[in-house]
Amino acid sequence: MDTLTDRERAILDLEQQWWATAGGKEAAIAAMGLSPSRYYQLLSRLLPTQEAVAYAALTVHRLQRIARSRVESRTNTRRFGVSSTGLLRED
């Protein structure tokens, strides 16, 4: 990926300031002509790129940190046999 497309910049811009978007994040995603699933697929592909970091470093690093935390949480849940409710699973 050499440069970011307009859509990729719009995705990063939305992630930087979605809370200030009239109508909320879901409405902003729909206004981009994307389903929420497709939006998050594009976002997850965008996060590891150097172009995204160069464009919005703080936002990209924040989102990478959140993603790592979710992966670690899922891994720990499976490893220690605890469900997402905090109760022991009966596998």
N, C-alpha and C. Protein backbone atom coordinates (compact mmCIF):
# COMPACT_ATOMS: atom_id res chain seq x y z
N MET A 1 0.85 -1.18 0.00
CA MET A 1 0.00 0.00 0.00
C MET A 1 0.89 1.24 0.00
N ASP A 2 0.80 2.05 -1.03
CA ASP A 2 1.66 3.22 -1.13
C ASP A 2 1.08 4.44 -0.42
N THR A 3 -0.16 4.72 -0.68
CA THR A 3 -0.82 5.86 -0.04
C THR A 3 -2.21 5.44 0.39
N LEU A 4 -2.78 6.21 1.28
CA LEU A 4 -4.13 5.91 1.72
C LEU A 4 -5.15 6.44 0.72
N THR A 5 -6.21 5.69 0.54
CA THR A 5 -7.30 6.15 -0.31
C THR A 5 -8.16 7.14 0.48
N ASP A 6 -9.04 7.81 -0.22
CA ASP A 6 -9.96 8.73 0.47
C ASP A 6 -10.80 7.98 1.50
N ARG A 7 -11.26 6.78 1.14
CA ARG A 7 -12.07 5.98 2.06
C ARG A 7 -11.25 5.61 3.30
N GLU A 8 -10.00 5.22 3.13
CA GLU A 8 -9.16 4.83 4.27
C GLU A 8 -8.91 6.03 5.19
N ARG A 9 -8.68 7.19 4.60
CA ARG A 9 -8.52 8.40 5.43
C ARG A 9 -9.81 8.72 6.16
N ALA A 10 -10.95 8.54 5.49
CA ALA A 10 -12.24 8.80 6.13
C ALA A 10 -12.47 7.85 7.30
N ILE A 11 -12.07 6.60 7.16
CA ILE A 11 -12.20 5.63 8.24
C ILE A 11 -11.36 6.06 9.44
N LEU A 12 -10.12 6.44 9.20
CA LEU A 12 -9.25 6.89 10.30
C LEU A 12 -9.77 8.19 10.91
N ASP A 13 -10.28 9.08 10.07
CA ASP A 13 -10.84 10.33 10.59
C ASP A 13 -12.03 10.05 11.50
N LEU A 14 -12.88 9.12 11.07
CA LEU A 14 -14.04 8.76 11.89
C LEU A 14 -13.59 8.17 13.23
N GLU A 15 -12.58 7.32 13.21
CA GLU A 15 -12.08 6.73 14.45
C GLU A 15 -11.48 7.79 15.37
N GLN A 16 -10.95 8.86 14.80
CA GLN A 16 -10.37 9.92 15.62
C GLN A 16 -11.43 10.73 16.34
N GLN A 17 -12.61 10.87 15.72
CA GLN A 17 -13.59 11.79 16.31
C GLN A 17 -15.03 11.32 16.17
N TRP A 18 -15.27 10.02 16.25
CA TRP A 18 -16.62 9.52 16.07
C TRP A 18 -17.59 10.02 17.13
N TRP A 19 -17.14 10.26 18.34
CA TRP A 19 -18.02 10.70 19.41
C TRP A 19 -18.59 12.10 19.14
N ALA A 20 -17.93 12.86 18.28
CA ALA A 20 -18.42 14.20 17.95
C ALA A 20 -19.28 14.19 16.69
N THR A 21 -19.51 13.01 16.13
CA THR A 21 -20.27 12.89 14.89
C THR A 21 -21.76 12.90 15.19
N ALA A 22 -22.48 13.79 14.52
CA ALA A 22 -23.93 13.84 14.69
C ALA A 22 -24.54 12.52 14.24
N GLY A 23 -25.41 11.96 15.08
CA GLY A 23 -26.07 10.71 14.73
C GLY A 23 -25.32 9.48 15.16
N GLY A 24 -24.12 9.63 15.65
CA GLY A 24 -23.37 8.50 16.15
C GLY A 24 -22.53 7.81 15.10
N LYS A 25 -21.73 6.88 15.57
CA LYS A 25 -20.78 6.18 14.73
C LYS A 25 -21.48 5.32 13.68
N GLU A 26 -22.56 4.64 14.07
CA GLU A 26 -23.26 3.77 13.13
C GLU A 26 -23.79 4.56 11.95
N ALA A 27 -24.33 5.74 12.21
CA ALA A 27 -24.85 6.58 11.14
C ALA A 27 -23.73 7.05 10.22
N ALA A 28 -22.59 7.38 10.80
CA ALA A 28 -21.44 7.83 10.01
C ALA A 28 -20.92 6.69 9.13
N ILE A 29 -20.92 5.47 9.65
CA ILE A 29 -20.49 4.31 8.87
C ILE A 29 -21.45 4.10 7.71
N ALA A 30 -22.75 4.18 7.98
CA ALA A 30 -23.75 4.01 6.92
C ALA A 30 -23.62 5.11 5.87
N ALA A 31 -23.31 6.33 6.30
CA ALA A 31 -23.14 7.45 5.36
C ALA A 31 -21.95 7.23 4.43
N MET A 32 -21.01 6.40 4.86
CA MET A 32 -19.86 6.07 4.00
C MET A 32 -20.22 4.98 3.00
N GLY A 33 -21.44 4.46 3.10
CA GLY A 33 -21.88 3.41 2.19
C GLY A 33 -21.36 2.03 2.57
N LEU A 34 -21.06 1.85 3.86
CA LEU A 34 -20.51 0.58 4.33
C LEU A 34 -21.42 -0.04 5.37
N SER A 35 -21.41 -1.35 5.42
CA SER A 35 -22.05 -2.04 6.54
C SER A 35 -21.06 -1.99 7.70
N PRO A 36 -21.54 -2.12 8.92
CA PRO A 36 -20.60 -2.15 10.05
C PRO A 36 -19.55 -3.26 9.91
N SER A 37 -19.96 -4.43 9.42
CA SER A 37 -19.00 -5.53 9.26
C SER A 37 -17.89 -5.15 8.29
N ARG A 38 -18.28 -4.61 7.17
CA ARG A 38 -17.28 -4.23 6.16
C ARG A 38 -16.38 -3.11 6.69
N TYR A 39 -16.95 -2.16 7.39
CA TYR A 39 -16.17 -1.05 7.97
C TYR A 39 -15.06 -1.61 8.87
N TYR A 40 -15.44 -2.53 9.76
CA TYR A 40 -14.45 -3.06 10.71
C TYR A 40 -13.44 -3.98 10.02
N GLN A 41 -13.84 -4.65 8.94
CA GLN A 41 -12.88 -5.42 8.17
C GLN A 41 -11.83 -4.49 7.56
N LEU A 42 -12.29 -3.40 6.96
CA LEU A 42 -11.36 -2.44 6.34
C LEU A 42 -10.46 -1.81 7.40
N LEU A 43 -11.04 -1.47 8.54
CA LEU A 43 -10.27 -0.86 9.62
C LEU A 43 -9.19 -1.81 10.11
N SER A 44 -9.53 -3.09 10.30
CA SER A 44 -8.53 -4.03 10.82
C SER A 44 -7.41 -4.27 9.82
N ARG A 45 -7.70 -4.19 8.54
CA ARG A 45 -6.63 -4.31 7.53
C ARG A 45 -5.76 -3.07 7.47
N LEU A 46 -6.34 -1.95 7.82
CA LEU A 46 -5.64 -0.67 7.75
C LEU A 46 -4.68 -0.47 8.92
N LEU A 47 -5.04 -0.97 10.09
CA LEU A 47 -4.27 -0.68 11.31
C LEU A 47 -2.79 -1.08 11.27
N PRO A 48 -2.42 -2.21 10.67
CA PRO A 48 -0.99 -2.56 10.71
C PRO A 48 -0.13 -1.83 9.67
N THR A 49 -0.71 -0.97 8.86
CA THR A 49 0.08 -0.33 7.80
C THR A 49 0.82 0.90 8.28
N GLN A 50 1.99 1.11 7.71
CA GLN A 50 2.79 2.30 8.04
C GLN A 50 2.10 3.59 7.57
N GLU A 51 1.35 3.48 6.49
CA GLU A 51 0.64 4.66 5.97
C GLU A 51 -0.41 5.14 6.96
N ALA A 52 -1.10 4.19 7.60
CA ALA A 52 -2.10 4.56 8.61
C ALA A 52 -1.42 5.20 9.82
N VAL A 53 -0.30 4.64 10.23
CA VAL A 53 0.43 5.21 11.37
C VAL A 53 0.92 6.62 11.03
N ALA A 54 1.41 6.80 9.81
CA ALA A 54 1.89 8.12 9.41
C ALA A 54 0.75 9.14 9.37
N TYR A 55 -0.44 8.70 9.02
CA TYR A 55 -1.58 9.60 8.90
C TYR A 55 -2.20 9.93 10.25
N ALA A 56 -2.32 8.93 11.12
CA ALA A 56 -3.01 9.13 12.40
C ALA A 56 -2.39 8.23 13.47
N ALA A 57 -1.19 8.52 13.85
CA ALA A 57 -0.43 7.65 14.75
C ALA A 57 -1.14 7.39 16.08
N LEU A 58 -1.62 8.42 16.74
CA LEU A 58 -2.25 8.21 18.04
C LEU A 58 -3.49 7.34 17.94
N THR A 59 -4.29 7.59 16.94
CA THR A 59 -5.50 6.80 16.74
C THR A 59 -5.17 5.35 16.43
N VAL A 60 -4.24 5.13 15.52
CA VAL A 60 -3.87 3.77 15.13
C VAL A 60 -3.28 3.02 16.32
N HIS A 61 -2.41 3.66 17.07
CA HIS A 61 -1.81 2.99 18.23
C HIS A 61 -2.86 2.68 19.29
N ARG A 62 -3.82 3.59 19.49
CA ARG A 62 -4.90 3.33 20.45
C ARG A 62 -5.72 2.12 20.01
N LEU A 63 -6.07 2.06 18.74
CA LEU A 63 -6.87 0.95 18.23
C LEU A 63 -6.09 -0.37 18.26
N GLN A 64 -4.80 -0.32 17.99
CA GLN A 64 -3.97 -1.52 18.08
C GLN A 64 -3.92 -2.04 19.52
N ARG A 65 -3.81 -1.11 20.46
CA ARG A 65 -3.77 -1.47 21.88
C ARG A 65 -5.10 -2.13 22.30
N ILE A 66 -6.21 -1.57 21.85
CA ILE A 66 -7.52 -2.14 22.16
C ILE A 66 -7.65 -3.54 21.57
N ALA A 67 -7.22 -3.69 20.33
CA ALA A 67 -7.30 -5.00 19.66
C ALA A 67 -6.45 -6.04 20.40
N ARG A 68 -5.23 -5.66 20.80
CA ARG A 68 -4.37 -6.58 21.54
C ARG A 68 -5.02 -6.99 22.86
N SER A 69 -5.62 -6.04 23.53
CA SER A 69 -6.27 -6.30 24.81
C SER A 69 -7.42 -7.29 24.63
N ARG A 70 -8.19 -7.14 23.56
CA ARG A 70 -9.31 -8.07 23.31
C ARG A 70 -8.80 -9.47 23.01
N VAL A 71 -7.74 -9.57 22.24
CA VAL A 71 -7.16 -10.88 21.93
C VAL A 71 -6.66 -11.54 23.21
N GLU A 72 -5.95 -10.78 24.02
CA GLU A 72 -5.44 -11.32 25.28
C GLU A 72 -6.57 -11.77 26.19
N SER A 73 -7.64 -11.00 26.22
CA SER A 73 -8.79 -11.35 27.06
C SER A 73 -9.42 -12.65 26.59
N ARG A 74 -9.60 -12.80 25.28
CA ARG A 74 -10.16 -14.05 24.74
C ARG A 74 -9.23 -15.22 25.02
N THR A 75 -7.93 -15.01 24.87
CA THR A 75 -6.96 -16.08 25.12
C THR A 75 -7.00 -16.50 26.58
N ASN A 76 -7.02 -15.56 27.49
CA ASN A 76 -7.06 -15.88 28.91
C ASN A 76 -8.36 -16.58 29.28
N THR A 77 -9.45 -16.18 28.65
CA THR A 77 -10.73 -16.83 28.93
C THR A 77 -10.67 -18.29 28.55
N ARG A 78 -10.12 -18.57 27.39
CA ARG A 78 -10.02 -19.97 26.94
C ARG A 78 -9.01 -20.75 27.79
N ARG A 79 -7.90 -20.12 28.10
CA ARG A 79 -6.82 -20.81 28.82
C ARG A 79 -7.23 -21.19 30.24
N PHE A 80 -7.93 -20.31 30.92
CA PHE A 80 -8.23 -20.54 32.32
C PHE A 80 -9.65 -21.06 32.55
N GLY A 81 -10.39 -21.33 31.47
CA GLY A 81 -11.71 -21.93 31.61
C GLY A 81 -12.73 -21.03 32.25
N VAL A 82 -12.59 -19.74 32.05
CA VAL A 82 -13.54 -18.79 32.62
C VAL A 82 -14.35 -18.21 31.48
N SER A 83 -15.66 -18.17 31.65
CA SER A 83 -16.51 -17.61 30.61
C SER A 83 -16.41 -16.09 30.66
N SER A 84 -17.01 -15.44 29.68
CA SER A 84 -16.98 -13.98 29.63
C SER A 84 -17.75 -13.37 30.79
N THR A 85 -18.60 -14.14 31.47
CA THR A 85 -19.33 -13.64 32.63
C THR A 85 -18.51 -13.75 33.91
N GLY A 86 -17.35 -14.41 33.80
CA GLY A 86 -16.50 -14.58 34.97
C GLY A 86 -16.76 -15.88 35.71
N LEU A 87 -17.69 -16.67 35.21
CA LEU A 87 -18.01 -17.95 35.85
C LEU A 87 -17.19 -19.06 35.21
N LEU A 88 -16.92 -20.10 35.96
CA LEU A 88 -16.19 -21.23 35.42
C LEU A 88 -17.05 -21.94 34.39
N ARG A 89 -16.42 -22.31 33.29
CA ARG A 89 -17.13 -23.07 32.26
C ARG A 89 -17.21 -24.52 32.68
N GLU A 90 -18.20 -25.20 32.16
CA GLU A 90 -18.36 -26.62 32.47
C GLU A 90 -18.12 -27.43 31.21
N ASP A 91 -16.94 -27.35 30.63
CA ASP A 91 -16.60 -28.09 29.40
C ASP A 91 -16.25 -29.51 29.71
